[in-house]
Structures are given as structure tokens and as C-alpha cells.
């Protein structure tokens, strides 16, 4: 029972980490867009008027300032979640890209796999041809790369 629970837990972590890798660039774009929206909202002037929204049993006063504050909180929450998914991957990419003068180290291979598979969305066949290795080798490297992502994500 414990083994199957651990296997399920690992698969769940693996899927989460791999989704962070696949969505890394998209999440960076979202962070940029949401940050711009947040900055715009934070710099906006406060409005003193009130609006009334129709409610089934009457109206409820809802100020534009209150609505803007709620929008800011919502954007901040979204940004926090996206940053939790992207910052560790950014650190991993940076660490993999460090040049220690050692030529084709495993880190360089993992970085190339990361770029070709997760960023460029290449197929296993395309990547195997480009890297001149078997698909089985790629899938082994994938396991190692995603395990590394799990460590960086602290999950």
C-alpha cells in the first residue's frame, strides 16, 4: 500500500513539475501581462463615485475603489501562483546554463533537452535525430531532468 501511494505521489509530482517545464515560457508571458495590469491598477486614481449593482433582493453599494482593490488582490494572487511555478525553473535553467569549461556535461545535455522538448515543443523523434541519440536515451534524460525540476520546485 505504501509503495503504490509513493508511486502515485511521485507521478503527481512528476506531472506537476513537467507541466511547469512545458508552461514556463507561457507563464513568463502571463506574469509580464499581469504585472502590467497590476501596475496600471495601482497607479490609477481613486474614484469617489459609487455604483449600485442589481441584486435579486435589492441593491448593494459597491464602490469603484473597492472593486479596484479586489482586482489588485486578485492579480497579486495570480502573480504569486505563477511565480511559484516559474522562479524555480528559471533558477534551474540558469544553473544548467552555467559554463564550467567542461564541454558537453550532463547539464548542457539537459539544457538542450529542456529547450528542444519543453520550450520548442519538439517531438521525441525530432529531438532524437537532432541530438543523435535513441528515444529511449531521451526518455531516460527526461526522467532525470524532471526529477531535477521536482527538487528545484521543492515538491
N, C-alpha and C. Protein backbone atom coordinates (compact mmCIF):
# COMPACT_ATOMS: atom_id res chain seq x y z
N UNK A 1 0.83 -1.19 0.00
CA UNK A 1 0.00 0.00 0.00
C UNK A 1 0.87 1.25 0.00
N UNK A 2 1.93 1.26 0.82
CA UNK A 2 2.82 2.42 0.89
C UNK A 2 3.53 2.64 -0.43
N UNK A 3 3.95 1.55 -1.08
CA UNK A 3 4.65 1.68 -2.36
C UNK A 3 3.76 2.30 -3.42
N UNK A 4 2.51 1.84 -3.50
CA UNK A 4 1.62 2.39 -4.51
C UNK A 4 1.29 3.85 -4.21
N UNK A 5 1.18 4.20 -2.92
CA UNK A 5 0.94 5.58 -2.54
C UNK A 5 2.14 6.43 -2.94
N UNK A 6 3.35 5.94 -2.67
CA UNK A 6 4.55 6.66 -3.06
C UNK A 6 4.67 6.80 -4.57
N UNK A 7 4.28 5.75 -5.30
CA UNK A 7 4.32 5.80 -6.76
C UNK A 7 3.31 6.83 -7.28
N UNK A 8 2.11 6.84 -6.69
CA UNK A 8 1.10 7.82 -7.09
C UNK A 8 1.57 9.23 -6.76
N UNK A 9 2.16 9.38 -5.59
CA UNK A 9 2.65 10.69 -5.18
C UNK A 9 3.76 11.16 -6.13
N UNK A 10 4.67 10.26 -6.48
CA UNK A 10 5.75 10.61 -7.39
C UNK A 10 5.20 10.99 -8.76
N UNK A 11 4.23 10.22 -9.26
CA UNK A 11 3.63 10.53 -10.57
C UNK A 11 2.97 11.90 -10.54
N UNK A 12 2.32 12.21 -9.44
CA UNK A 12 1.68 13.52 -9.31
C UNK A 12 2.73 14.63 -9.32
N UNK A 13 3.80 14.45 -8.58
CA UNK A 13 4.89 15.43 -8.57
C UNK A 13 5.53 15.55 -9.95
N UNK A 14 5.71 14.40 -10.60
CA UNK A 14 6.32 14.37 -11.93
C UNK A 14 5.46 15.17 -12.90
N UNK A 15 4.15 14.92 -12.89
CA UNK A 15 3.24 15.64 -13.80
C UNK A 15 3.25 17.14 -13.53
N UNK A 16 3.24 17.50 -12.26
CA UNK A 16 3.26 18.92 -11.89
C UNK A 16 4.55 19.58 -12.37
N UNK A 17 5.68 18.94 -12.09
CA UNK A 17 6.98 19.51 -12.49
C UNK A 17 7.07 19.62 -14.01
N UNK A 18 6.61 18.59 -14.69
CA UNK A 18 6.67 18.62 -16.16
C UNK A 18 5.75 19.70 -16.72
N UNK A 19 4.60 19.92 -16.09
CA UNK A 19 3.71 20.99 -16.55
C UNK A 19 4.37 22.35 -16.32
N UNK A 20 5.13 22.49 -15.24
CA UNK A 20 5.87 23.74 -15.01
C UNK A 20 6.91 23.96 -16.11
N UNK A 21 7.54 22.88 -16.55
CA UNK A 21 8.53 22.99 -17.63
C UNK A 21 7.84 23.35 -18.95
N UNK A 22 6.77 22.64 -19.27
CA UNK A 22 6.06 22.89 -20.53
C UNK A 22 5.50 24.31 -20.58
N UNK A 23 5.00 24.80 -19.46
CA UNK A 23 4.32 26.10 -19.44
C UNK A 23 5.21 27.26 -19.01
N UNK A 24 6.49 27.01 -18.87
CA UNK A 24 7.42 28.02 -18.36
C UNK A 24 7.36 29.32 -19.17
N UNK A 25 7.52 29.23 -20.46
CA UNK A 25 7.53 30.45 -21.28
C UNK A 25 6.16 31.12 -21.32
N UNK A 26 5.12 30.34 -21.38
CA UNK A 26 3.76 30.89 -21.34
C UNK A 26 3.53 31.60 -20.01
N UNK A 27 3.97 31.00 -18.92
CA UNK A 27 3.80 31.61 -17.61
C UNK A 27 4.60 32.91 -17.49
N UNK A 28 5.78 32.96 -18.11
CA UNK A 28 6.55 34.20 -18.10
C UNK A 28 5.78 35.32 -18.81
N UNK A 29 5.13 34.97 -19.92
CA UNK A 29 4.32 35.95 -20.66
C UNK A 29 3.14 36.42 -19.82
N UNK A 30 2.50 35.46 -19.14
CA UNK A 30 1.37 35.81 -18.27
C UNK A 30 1.82 36.73 -17.14
N UNK A 31 2.98 36.44 -16.57
CA UNK A 31 3.50 37.27 -15.48
C UNK A 31 3.72 38.70 -15.98
N UNK A 32 4.27 38.83 -17.16
CA UNK A 32 4.51 40.16 -17.72
C UNK A 32 3.19 40.91 -17.91
N UNK A 33 2.21 40.24 -18.50
CA UNK A 33 0.91 40.87 -18.75
C UNK A 33 0.21 41.24 -17.45
N UNK A 34 0.18 40.31 -16.50
CA UNK A 34 -0.48 40.57 -15.22
C UNK A 34 0.24 41.68 -14.44
N UNK A 35 1.57 41.71 -14.52
CA UNK A 35 2.33 42.76 -13.84
C UNK A 35 2.00 44.13 -14.41
N UNK A 36 1.84 44.20 -15.73
CA UNK A 36 1.48 45.47 -16.36
C UNK A 36 0.08 45.90 -15.93
N UNK A 37 -0.86 44.95 -15.89
CA UNK A 37 -2.22 45.27 -15.43
C UNK A 37 -2.20 45.75 -13.99
N UNK A 38 -1.44 45.06 -13.16
CA UNK A 38 -1.35 45.42 -11.74
C UNK A 38 -0.77 46.82 -11.58
N UNK A 39 0.29 47.09 -12.30
CA UNK A 39 0.92 48.41 -12.23
C UNK A 39 -0.07 49.49 -12.66
N UNK A 40 -0.82 49.22 -13.70
CA UNK A 40 -1.82 50.16 -14.19
C UNK A 40 -2.89 50.41 -13.13
N UNK A 41 -3.37 49.35 -12.50
CA UNK A 41 -4.39 49.50 -11.45
C UNK A 41 -3.86 50.25 -10.24
N UNK A 42 -2.62 49.94 -9.87
CA UNK A 42 -2.04 50.58 -8.69
C UNK A 42 -1.77 52.06 -8.92
N UNK A 43 -1.51 52.44 -10.16
CA UNK A 43 -1.23 53.84 -10.47
C UNK A 43 -2.50 54.64 -10.75
N UNK A 44 -3.61 53.95 -10.99
CA UNK A 44 -4.87 54.61 -11.29
C UNK A 44 -5.34 55.47 -10.14
N UNK A 45 -6.04 56.51 -10.47
CA UNK A 45 -6.56 57.38 -9.41
C UNK A 45 -7.76 56.72 -8.75
N UNK A 46 -7.98 57.07 -7.50
CA UNK A 46 -9.13 56.51 -6.81
C UNK A 46 -10.38 57.28 -7.22
N UNK A 47 -11.44 56.55 -7.45
CA UNK A 47 -12.70 57.15 -7.88
C UNK A 47 -13.59 57.26 -6.67
N UNK A 48 -14.28 58.40 -6.51
CA UNK A 48 -15.09 58.62 -5.32
C UNK A 48 -16.56 58.30 -5.52
N UNK A 49 -16.94 58.00 -6.74
CA UNK A 49 -18.35 57.70 -7.01
C UNK A 49 -18.68 56.28 -6.58
N UNK A 50 -19.94 56.02 -6.39
CA UNK A 50 -20.39 54.68 -6.04
C UNK A 50 -21.31 54.17 -7.13
N UNK A 51 -21.31 52.87 -7.32
CA UNK A 51 -22.22 52.27 -8.28
C UNK A 51 -23.10 51.27 -7.55
N UNK A 52 -24.28 51.06 -8.07
CA UNK A 52 -25.21 50.11 -7.46
C UNK A 52 -25.42 48.95 -8.42
N UNK A 53 -25.16 47.77 -7.92
CA UNK A 53 -25.36 46.58 -8.74
C UNK A 53 -26.71 45.98 -8.38
N UNK A 54 -27.45 45.57 -9.39
CA UNK A 54 -28.76 44.97 -9.13
C UNK A 54 -28.56 43.60 -8.50
N UNK A 55 -29.23 43.40 -7.40
CA UNK A 55 -29.20 42.13 -6.70
C UNK A 55 -30.63 41.60 -6.66
N UNK A 56 -30.82 40.30 -6.61
CA UNK A 56 -32.17 39.75 -6.60
C UNK A 56 -33.06 40.34 -5.52
N UNK A 57 -32.53 40.60 -4.33
CA UNK A 57 -33.35 41.12 -3.23
C UNK A 57 -33.00 42.57 -2.90
N UNK A 58 -32.55 43.31 -3.86
CA UNK A 58 -32.22 44.71 -3.63
C UNK A 58 -30.83 45.03 -4.11
N UNK A 59 -30.42 46.27 -3.94
CA UNK A 59 -29.12 46.72 -4.40
C UNK A 59 -28.09 46.70 -3.29
N UNK A 60 -26.85 46.55 -3.68
CA UNK A 60 -25.76 46.57 -2.72
C UNK A 60 -24.76 47.60 -3.18
N UNK A 61 -24.34 48.48 -2.30
CA UNK A 61 -23.38 49.53 -2.66
C UNK A 61 -22.02 48.88 -2.88
N UNK A 62 -21.41 49.22 -4.00
CA UNK A 62 -20.09 48.70 -4.32
C UNK A 62 -19.29 49.84 -4.93
N UNK A 63 -18.29 50.30 -4.23
CA UNK A 63 -17.53 51.45 -4.72
C UNK A 63 -16.48 51.00 -5.74
N UNK A 64 -16.18 51.85 -6.70
CA UNK A 64 -15.12 51.55 -7.67
C UNK A 64 -13.76 51.35 -7.00
N UNK A 65 -13.52 52.04 -5.90
CA UNK A 65 -12.27 51.88 -5.17
C UNK A 65 -12.18 50.47 -4.60
N UNK A 66 -13.30 50.00 -4.06
CA UNK A 66 -13.36 48.64 -3.52
C UNK A 66 -13.16 47.62 -4.63
N UNK A 67 -13.79 47.86 -5.77
CA UNK A 67 -13.65 46.95 -6.91
C UNK A 67 -12.19 46.91 -7.39
N UNK A 68 -11.57 48.10 -7.44
CA UNK A 68 -10.18 48.16 -7.88
C UNK A 68 -9.28 47.43 -6.88
N UNK A 69 -9.54 47.60 -5.61
CA UNK A 69 -8.75 46.92 -4.58
C UNK A 69 -8.88 45.40 -4.71
N UNK A 70 -10.09 44.93 -4.97
CA UNK A 70 -10.31 43.49 -5.16
C UNK A 70 -9.58 43.00 -6.42
N UNK A 71 -9.57 43.80 -7.47
CA UNK A 71 -8.86 43.44 -8.70
C UNK A 71 -7.36 43.34 -8.43
N UNK A 72 -6.85 44.27 -7.65
CA UNK A 72 -5.42 44.26 -7.31
C UNK A 72 -5.08 42.99 -6.52
N UNK A 73 -5.89 42.67 -5.54
CA UNK A 73 -5.66 41.46 -4.73
C UNK A 73 -5.71 40.22 -5.61
N UNK A 74 -6.68 40.15 -6.51
CA UNK A 74 -6.81 39.01 -7.42
C UNK A 74 -5.57 38.88 -8.31
N UNK A 75 -5.11 39.99 -8.87
CA UNK A 75 -3.92 39.97 -9.72
C UNK A 75 -2.68 39.55 -8.92
N UNK A 76 -2.56 40.05 -7.71
CA UNK A 76 -1.42 39.69 -6.86
C UNK A 76 -1.42 38.18 -6.57
N UNK A 77 -2.59 37.62 -6.31
CA UNK A 77 -2.68 36.17 -6.06
C UNK A 77 -2.28 35.38 -7.30
N UNK A 78 -2.77 35.80 -8.46
CA UNK A 78 -2.42 35.12 -9.71
C UNK A 78 -0.91 35.19 -9.96
N UNK A 79 -0.33 36.37 -9.75
CA UNK A 79 1.11 36.54 -9.94
C UNK A 79 1.91 35.65 -8.99
N UNK A 80 1.47 35.58 -7.75
CA UNK A 80 2.17 34.76 -6.75
C UNK A 80 2.20 33.30 -7.20
N UNK A 81 1.06 32.78 -7.65
CA UNK A 81 0.99 31.39 -8.09
C UNK A 81 1.87 31.14 -9.32
N UNK A 82 1.84 32.06 -10.27
CA UNK A 82 2.67 31.90 -11.46
C UNK A 82 4.16 31.96 -11.12
N UNK A 83 4.52 32.85 -10.23
CA UNK A 83 5.93 32.99 -9.84
C UNK A 83 6.41 31.75 -9.08
N UNK A 84 5.52 31.12 -8.32
CA UNK A 84 5.90 29.88 -7.63
C UNK A 84 6.23 28.78 -8.62
N UNK A 85 5.62 28.84 -9.80
CA UNK A 85 5.86 27.83 -10.82
C UNK A 85 7.06 28.18 -11.71
N UNK A 86 7.38 29.47 -11.84
CA UNK A 86 8.42 29.86 -12.79
C UNK A 86 9.78 30.15 -12.16
N UNK A 87 9.81 30.73 -10.99
CA UNK A 87 11.11 31.09 -10.38
C UNK A 87 12.04 29.89 -10.22
N UNK A 88 11.54 28.76 -9.67
CA UNK A 88 12.45 27.62 -9.54
C UNK A 88 12.95 27.10 -10.90
N UNK A 89 12.09 27.14 -11.91
CA UNK A 89 12.50 26.68 -13.24
C UNK A 89 13.53 27.65 -13.81
N UNK A 90 13.34 28.94 -13.58
CA UNK A 90 14.32 29.93 -14.05
C UNK A 90 15.69 29.68 -13.41
N UNK A 91 15.69 29.37 -12.10
CA UNK A 91 16.95 29.05 -11.42
C UNK A 91 17.58 27.79 -12.00
N UNK A 92 16.75 26.79 -12.28
CA UNK A 92 17.26 25.55 -12.85
C UNK A 92 17.88 25.81 -14.22
N UNK A 93 17.19 26.57 -15.07
CA UNK A 93 17.71 26.90 -16.40
C UNK A 93 19.04 27.64 -16.27
N UNK A 94 19.09 28.59 -15.35
CA UNK A 94 20.32 29.35 -15.13
C UNK A 94 21.46 28.43 -14.69
N UNK A 95 21.16 27.54 -13.74
CA UNK A 95 22.19 26.62 -13.25
C UNK A 95 22.66 25.67 -14.35
N UNK A 96 21.72 25.18 -15.15
CA UNK A 96 22.09 24.28 -16.24
C UNK A 96 22.93 25.00 -17.30
N UNK A 97 22.73 26.29 -17.44
CA UNK A 97 23.44 27.05 -18.46
C UNK A 97 24.80 27.56 -18.05
N UNK A 98 25.15 27.39 -16.78
CA UNK A 98 26.45 27.86 -16.32
C UNK A 98 27.55 27.09 -17.01
N UNK A 99 28.56 27.82 -17.45
CA UNK A 99 29.67 27.21 -18.17
C UNK A 99 30.84 27.01 -17.22
N UNK A 100 31.14 25.78 -16.96
CA UNK A 100 32.28 25.46 -16.11
C UNK A 100 33.48 25.02 -16.92
N UNK A 101 33.41 25.22 -18.24
CA UNK A 101 34.51 24.87 -19.12
C UNK A 101 34.71 23.39 -19.28
N UNK A 102 33.67 22.61 -19.09
CA UNK A 102 33.80 21.16 -19.14
C UNK A 102 33.24 20.55 -20.42
N UNK A 103 32.91 21.35 -21.39
CA UNK A 103 32.39 20.81 -22.65
C UNK A 103 30.98 20.30 -22.51
N UNK A 104 30.72 19.11 -23.08
CA UNK A 104 29.37 18.52 -23.06
C UNK A 104 29.10 17.80 -21.74
N UNK A 105 28.79 18.57 -20.72
CA UNK A 105 28.45 17.99 -19.43
C UNK A 105 26.99 17.55 -19.47
N UNK A 106 26.57 16.72 -18.51
CA UNK A 106 25.15 16.35 -18.45
C UNK A 106 24.24 17.58 -18.38
N UNK A 107 24.69 18.62 -17.68
CA UNK A 107 23.88 19.84 -17.58
C UNK A 107 23.61 20.43 -18.95
N UNK A 108 24.60 20.45 -19.81
CA UNK A 108 24.42 21.00 -21.15
C UNK A 108 23.44 20.15 -21.96
N UNK A 109 23.51 18.85 -21.76
CA UNK A 109 22.59 17.93 -22.44
C UNK A 109 21.17 18.16 -21.95
N UNK A 110 21.00 18.30 -20.63
CA UNK A 110 19.68 18.54 -20.07
C UNK A 110 19.13 19.89 -20.51
N UNK A 111 20.00 20.89 -20.60
CA UNK A 111 19.57 22.21 -21.05
C UNK A 111 19.09 22.13 -22.50
N UNK A 112 19.81 21.40 -23.34
CA UNK A 112 19.40 21.25 -24.74
C UNK A 112 18.06 20.50 -24.81
N UNK A 113 17.92 19.45 -24.02
CA UNK A 113 16.65 18.71 -23.99
C UNK A 113 15.52 19.63 -23.52
N UNK A 114 15.77 20.41 -22.50
CA UNK A 114 14.78 21.35 -21.99
C UNK A 114 14.35 22.33 -23.08
N UNK A 115 15.30 22.86 -23.80
CA UNK A 115 14.99 23.82 -24.87
C UNK A 115 14.23 23.16 -26.02
N UNK A 116 14.68 21.99 -26.44
CA UNK A 116 14.07 21.33 -27.60
C UNK A 116 12.70 20.74 -27.29
N UNK A 117 12.55 20.15 -26.12
CA UNK A 117 11.29 19.47 -25.79
C UNK A 117 10.26 20.41 -25.16
N UNK A 118 10.68 21.10 -24.12
CA UNK A 118 9.71 21.86 -23.33
C UNK A 118 9.49 23.28 -23.83
N UNK A 119 10.53 23.88 -24.40
CA UNK A 119 10.36 25.25 -24.89
C UNK A 119 9.96 25.28 -26.36
N UNK A 120 10.62 24.46 -27.18
CA UNK A 120 10.31 24.44 -28.62
C UNK A 120 9.21 23.43 -28.96
N UNK A 121 8.81 22.62 -27.99
CA UNK A 121 7.72 21.63 -28.15
C UNK A 121 8.02 20.60 -29.24
N UNK A 122 9.29 20.22 -29.35
CA UNK A 122 9.68 19.21 -30.34
C UNK A 122 9.20 17.83 -29.95
N UNK A 123 9.07 16.96 -30.95
CA UNK A 123 8.69 15.57 -30.68
C UNK A 123 9.93 14.78 -30.28
N UNK A 124 9.70 13.63 -29.66
CA UNK A 124 10.83 12.78 -29.26
C UNK A 124 11.65 12.37 -30.48
N UNK A 125 10.98 12.07 -31.57
CA UNK A 125 11.68 11.65 -32.79
C UNK A 125 12.56 12.78 -33.32
N UNK A 126 12.02 13.98 -33.40
CA UNK A 126 12.79 15.13 -33.88
C UNK A 126 14.01 15.39 -32.99
N UNK A 127 13.79 15.33 -31.71
CA UNK A 127 14.88 15.61 -30.76
C UNK A 127 15.94 14.52 -30.84
N UNK A 128 15.52 13.27 -30.94
CA UNK A 128 16.46 12.16 -31.05
C UNK A 128 17.34 12.32 -32.28
N UNK A 129 16.75 12.71 -33.39
CA UNK A 129 17.52 12.92 -34.62
C UNK A 129 18.50 14.09 -34.45
N UNK A 130 18.02 15.17 -33.88
CA UNK A 130 18.86 16.35 -33.70
C UNK A 130 20.03 16.08 -32.76
N UNK A 131 19.76 15.33 -31.67
CA UNK A 131 20.80 15.05 -30.68
C UNK A 131 21.59 13.78 -31.01
N UNK A 132 21.14 13.06 -32.01
CA UNK A 132 21.79 11.82 -32.47
C UNK A 132 21.88 10.78 -31.35
N UNK A 133 20.73 10.57 -30.69
CA UNK A 133 20.61 9.54 -29.66
C UNK A 133 19.28 8.83 -29.85
N UNK A 134 19.10 7.73 -29.14
CA UNK A 134 17.84 7.00 -29.24
C UNK A 134 16.75 7.68 -28.42
N UNK A 135 15.50 7.37 -28.75
CA UNK A 135 14.38 7.92 -27.98
C UNK A 135 14.40 7.39 -26.55
N UNK A 136 14.88 6.16 -26.36
CA UNK A 136 14.98 5.59 -25.01
C UNK A 136 15.94 6.42 -24.17
N UNK A 137 17.06 6.82 -24.76
CA UNK A 137 18.03 7.66 -24.06
C UNK A 137 17.40 8.99 -23.69
N UNK A 138 16.65 9.56 -24.62
CA UNK A 138 15.98 10.83 -24.35
C UNK A 138 15.00 10.70 -23.19
N UNK A 139 14.26 9.63 -23.17
CA UNK A 139 13.28 9.44 -22.11
C UNK A 139 13.95 9.22 -20.75
N UNK A 140 15.12 8.60 -20.78
CA UNK A 140 15.91 8.47 -19.55
C UNK A 140 16.36 9.86 -19.08
N UNK A 141 16.86 10.66 -20.01
CA UNK A 141 17.28 12.03 -19.66
C UNK A 141 16.09 12.86 -19.18
N UNK A 142 14.94 12.62 -19.79
CA UNK A 142 13.71 13.32 -19.38
C UNK A 142 13.42 13.03 -17.91
N UNK A 143 13.51 11.75 -17.52
CA UNK A 143 13.28 11.37 -16.12
C UNK A 143 14.21 12.15 -15.20
N UNK A 144 15.47 12.20 -15.58
CA UNK A 144 16.47 12.89 -14.75
C UNK A 144 16.21 14.39 -14.69
N UNK A 145 15.84 14.97 -15.84
CA UNK A 145 15.56 16.40 -15.91
C UNK A 145 14.34 16.77 -15.06
N UNK A 146 13.29 15.99 -15.17
CA UNK A 146 12.07 16.28 -14.40
C UNK A 146 12.32 16.05 -12.91
N UNK A 147 13.12 15.05 -12.56
CA UNK A 147 13.48 14.84 -11.15
C UNK A 147 14.21 16.08 -10.61
N UNK A 148 15.07 16.63 -11.45
CA UNK A 148 15.78 17.84 -11.06
C UNK A 148 14.79 19.00 -10.86
N UNK A 149 13.81 19.11 -11.75
CA UNK A 149 12.79 20.15 -11.63
C UNK A 149 12.00 19.97 -10.33
N UNK A 150 11.70 18.73 -9.97
CA UNK A 150 10.99 18.45 -8.72
C UNK A 150 11.80 18.98 -7.54
N UNK A 151 13.09 18.79 -7.58
CA UNK A 151 13.95 19.29 -6.50
C UNK A 151 13.94 20.81 -6.44
N UNK A 152 14.04 21.46 -7.59
CA UNK A 152 14.03 22.91 -7.64
C UNK A 152 12.69 23.48 -7.18
N UNK A 153 11.62 22.79 -7.51
CA UNK A 153 10.27 23.22 -7.11
C UNK A 153 9.97 22.91 -5.64
N UNK A 154 10.84 22.11 -5.02
CA UNK A 154 10.68 21.72 -3.61
C UNK A 154 9.34 21.02 -3.38
N UNK A 155 9.01 20.09 -4.25
CA UNK A 155 7.77 19.34 -4.08
C UNK A 155 8.06 17.88 -3.80
